């Protein structure tokens, strides 16, 4: 996914600094440890036998809640891949993990990323002003939330 690193980096700063094999191995090691601890579920997104992105569930057990983070290569946007991936992870989170609430945050200007929670029935709950720094500029995040009882079975 190095070919999409600059594109993804426009919204997610880690992409600009994750280019070497060692970076990927460190990410895999961290995600395996987090999975073993029960604090995260991370998965690769595969399309036609090719790794095209990742999706992660960052779990807060004490609140029975989680946040979802994701990215997909530019060439694979607009095909419904991420929406289907989120749908599968949400179903798993509410079903298997018995979570109560899921949150997705997206950069205010990232309309493609914001469309995913909107499409899946999340409610826009607010805007966190200047929530993260990207390219020496502070950016706002839009917060979306979904409760277990709102998810169709």
Protein backbone atom coordinates (compact mmCIF):
# COMPACT_ATOMS: atom_id res chain seq x y z
CA UNK A 1 0.00 0.00 0.00
CA UNK A 2 3.03 2.26 -0.27
CA UNK A 3 1.48 3.53 -3.51
CA UNK A 4 -1.35 5.03 -1.43
CA UNK A 5 0.74 6.27 1.50
CA UNK A 6 0.75 9.92 0.43
CA UNK A 7 -2.98 9.85 -0.35
CA UNK A 8 -3.85 8.20 2.97
CA UNK A 9 -1.39 10.47 4.75
CA UNK A 10 -3.53 13.46 3.79
CA UNK A 11 -5.98 12.23 6.47
CA UNK A 12 -3.96 9.86 8.66
CA UNK A 13 -0.49 11.03 9.69
CA UNK A 14 0.86 7.53 10.43
CA UNK A 15 0.77 6.68 6.72
CA UNK A 16 3.49 9.19 5.93
CA UNK A 17 5.82 7.51 8.41
CA UNK A 18 5.01 3.85 7.77
CA UNK A 19 6.98 2.91 4.69
CA UNK A 20 9.61 0.35 5.70
CA UNK A 21 9.02 -3.36 6.24
CA UNK A 22 10.12 -2.84 9.85
CA UNK A 23 7.26 -0.36 10.34
CA UNK A 24 4.75 -2.93 9.14
CA UNK A 25 6.26 -5.67 11.30
CA UNK A 26 6.08 -3.38 14.35
CA UNK A 27 2.42 -2.64 13.56
CA UNK A 28 1.65 -6.36 13.28
CA UNK A 29 3.44 -7.07 16.56
CA UNK A 30 1.54 -4.31 18.36
CA UNK A 31 -1.82 -5.42 16.98
CA UNK A 32 -1.20 -9.05 17.97
CA UNK A 33 -0.34 -7.98 21.52
CA UNK A 34 -3.44 -5.76 21.68
CA UNK A 35 -5.63 -8.57 20.38
CA UNK A 36 -4.22 -10.97 22.98
CA UNK A 37 -4.96 -8.38 25.69
CA UNK A 38 -8.54 -8.01 24.42
CA UNK A 39 -8.15 -4.32 23.70
CA UNK A 40 -8.16 -4.36 19.91
CA UNK A 41 -9.28 -6.34 16.90
CA UNK A 42 -7.39 -5.45 13.72
CA UNK A 43 -7.80 -7.02 10.32
CA UNK A 44 -6.54 -6.64 6.81
CA UNK A 45 -9.09 -5.85 4.14
CA UNK A 46 -8.67 -8.13 1.16
CA UNK A 47 -10.19 -7.61 -2.27
CA UNK A 48 -9.58 -9.99 -5.14
CA UNK A 49 -6.71 -11.64 -3.25
CA UNK A 50 -4.96 -8.32 -2.61
CA UNK A 51 -4.49 -6.46 0.67
CA UNK A 52 -6.19 -3.10 0.04
CA UNK A 53 -6.60 -1.66 3.54
CA UNK A 54 -7.04 -2.29 7.25
CA UNK A 55 -9.78 -1.91 9.82
CA UNK A 56 -9.51 -1.88 13.59
CA UNK A 57 -11.77 -1.99 16.61
CA UNK A 58 -10.28 -0.25 19.65
CA UNK A 59 -12.13 -1.60 22.68
CA UNK A 60 -12.93 -0.05 26.05
CA UNK A 61 -14.22 -3.05 28.04
CA UNK A 62 -15.24 -1.08 31.13
CA UNK A 63 -17.68 0.99 29.06
CA UNK A 64 -18.60 -1.84 26.65
CA UNK A 65 -17.67 0.52 23.84
CA UNK A 66 -15.24 0.72 20.97
CA UNK A 67 -14.06 2.98 18.20
CA UNK A 68 -13.46 1.90 14.63
CA UNK A 69 -10.53 3.11 12.57
CA UNK A 70 -9.94 2.28 8.92
CA UNK A 71 -8.16 3.12 5.72
CA UNK A 72 -8.27 1.82 2.16
CA UNK A 73 -6.08 2.39 -0.87
CA UNK A 74 -7.24 5.13 -3.20
CA UNK A 75 -7.75 2.74 -6.12
CA UNK A 76 -10.30 0.78 -4.07
CA UNK A 77 -12.51 3.62 -2.88
CA UNK A 78 -16.08 3.85 -4.09
CA UNK A 79 -16.64 0.08 -4.37
CA UNK A 80 -18.41 -0.43 -1.04
CA UNK A 81 -15.49 -2.43 0.34
CA UNK A 82 -15.05 -0.31 3.47
CA UNK A 83 -18.77 -0.10 4.16
CA UNK A 84 -19.03 -3.93 3.99
CA UNK A 85 -15.93 -4.25 6.18
CA UNK A 86 -17.36 -1.88 8.79
CA UNK A 87 -20.71 -3.69 8.68
CA UNK A 88 -19.00 -7.02 9.39
CA UNK A 89 -16.92 -5.58 12.24
CA UNK A 90 -19.94 -3.84 13.81
CA UNK A 91 -21.96 -7.06 13.68
CA UNK A 92 -19.06 -8.88 15.36
CA UNK A 93 -18.67 -6.15 18.00
CA UNK A 94 -22.34 -6.06 18.98
CA UNK A 95 -22.82 -9.82 18.67
CA UNK A 96 -19.70 -11.70 19.73
CA UNK A 97 -18.18 -9.00 21.93
CA UNK A 98 -21.52 -7.82 23.39
CA UNK A 99 -20.52 -4.16 23.12
CA UNK A 100 -23.04 -1.41 23.77
CA UNK A 101 -21.64 1.49 21.72
CA UNK A 102 -19.39 2.04 18.72
CA UNK A 103 -17.88 5.33 17.65
CA UNK A 104 -16.26 6.46 14.42
CA UNK A 105 -14.35 9.73 14.14
CA UNK A 106 -13.41 11.28 10.84
CA UNK A 107 -11.66 14.44 9.73
CA UNK A 108 -14.23 17.13 9.02
CA UNK A 109 -12.96 17.51 5.45
CA UNK A 110 -12.81 13.80 4.65
CA UNK A 111 -16.26 13.43 3.11
CA UNK A 112 -15.59 9.91 1.78
CA UNK A 113 -14.69 8.63 5.24
CA UNK A 114 -17.61 10.47 6.84
CA UNK A 115 -20.04 8.89 4.37
CA UNK A 116 -19.38 5.42 5.81
CA UNK A 117 -20.84 5.91 9.31
CA UNK A 118 -23.64 8.00 7.81
CA UNK A 119 -24.48 5.15 5.40
CA UNK A 120 -24.44 2.64 8.26
CA UNK A 121 -26.92 4.54 10.42
CA UNK A 122 -24.56 6.18 12.90
CA UNK A 123 -25.69 9.45 14.42
CA UNK A 124 -23.48 12.50 14.14
CA UNK A 125 -22.93 13.42 17.78
CA UNK A 126 -20.66 16.38 17.53
CA UNK A 127 -17.48 18.00 16.35
CA UNK A 128 -14.27 17.97 18.32
CA UNK A 129 -12.53 21.19 17.44
CA UNK A 130 -8.85 21.01 16.50
CA UNK A 131 -8.72 17.40 17.66
CA UNK A 132 -5.56 16.36 15.84
CA UNK A 133 -2.58 17.86 14.12
CA UNK A 134 -1.85 17.06 10.51
CA UNK A 135 0.91 18.77 8.54
CA UNK A 136 1.38 21.41 11.26
CA UNK A 137 -2.30 22.34 11.15
CA UNK A 138 -5.00 21.46 13.67
CA UNK A 139 -8.06 19.71 12.26
CA UNK A 140 -11.59 19.15 13.50
CA UNK A 141 -13.04 15.64 13.92
CA UNK A 142 -16.66 14.67 13.41
CA UNK A 143 -17.85 12.09 15.96
CA UNK A 144 -20.42 9.47 14.99
CA UNK A 145 -22.01 7.01 17.43
CA UNK A 146 -24.10 3.86 17.16
CA UNK A 147 -25.77 1.91 19.97
CA UNK A 148 -26.36 -1.83 20.00
CA UNK A 149 -30.16 -1.41 19.96
CA UNK A 150 -29.88 0.72 16.79
CA UNK A 151 -28.09 -1.97 14.79
CA UNK A 152 -30.37 -4.14 12.62
CA UNK A 153 -30.05 -7.87 13.25
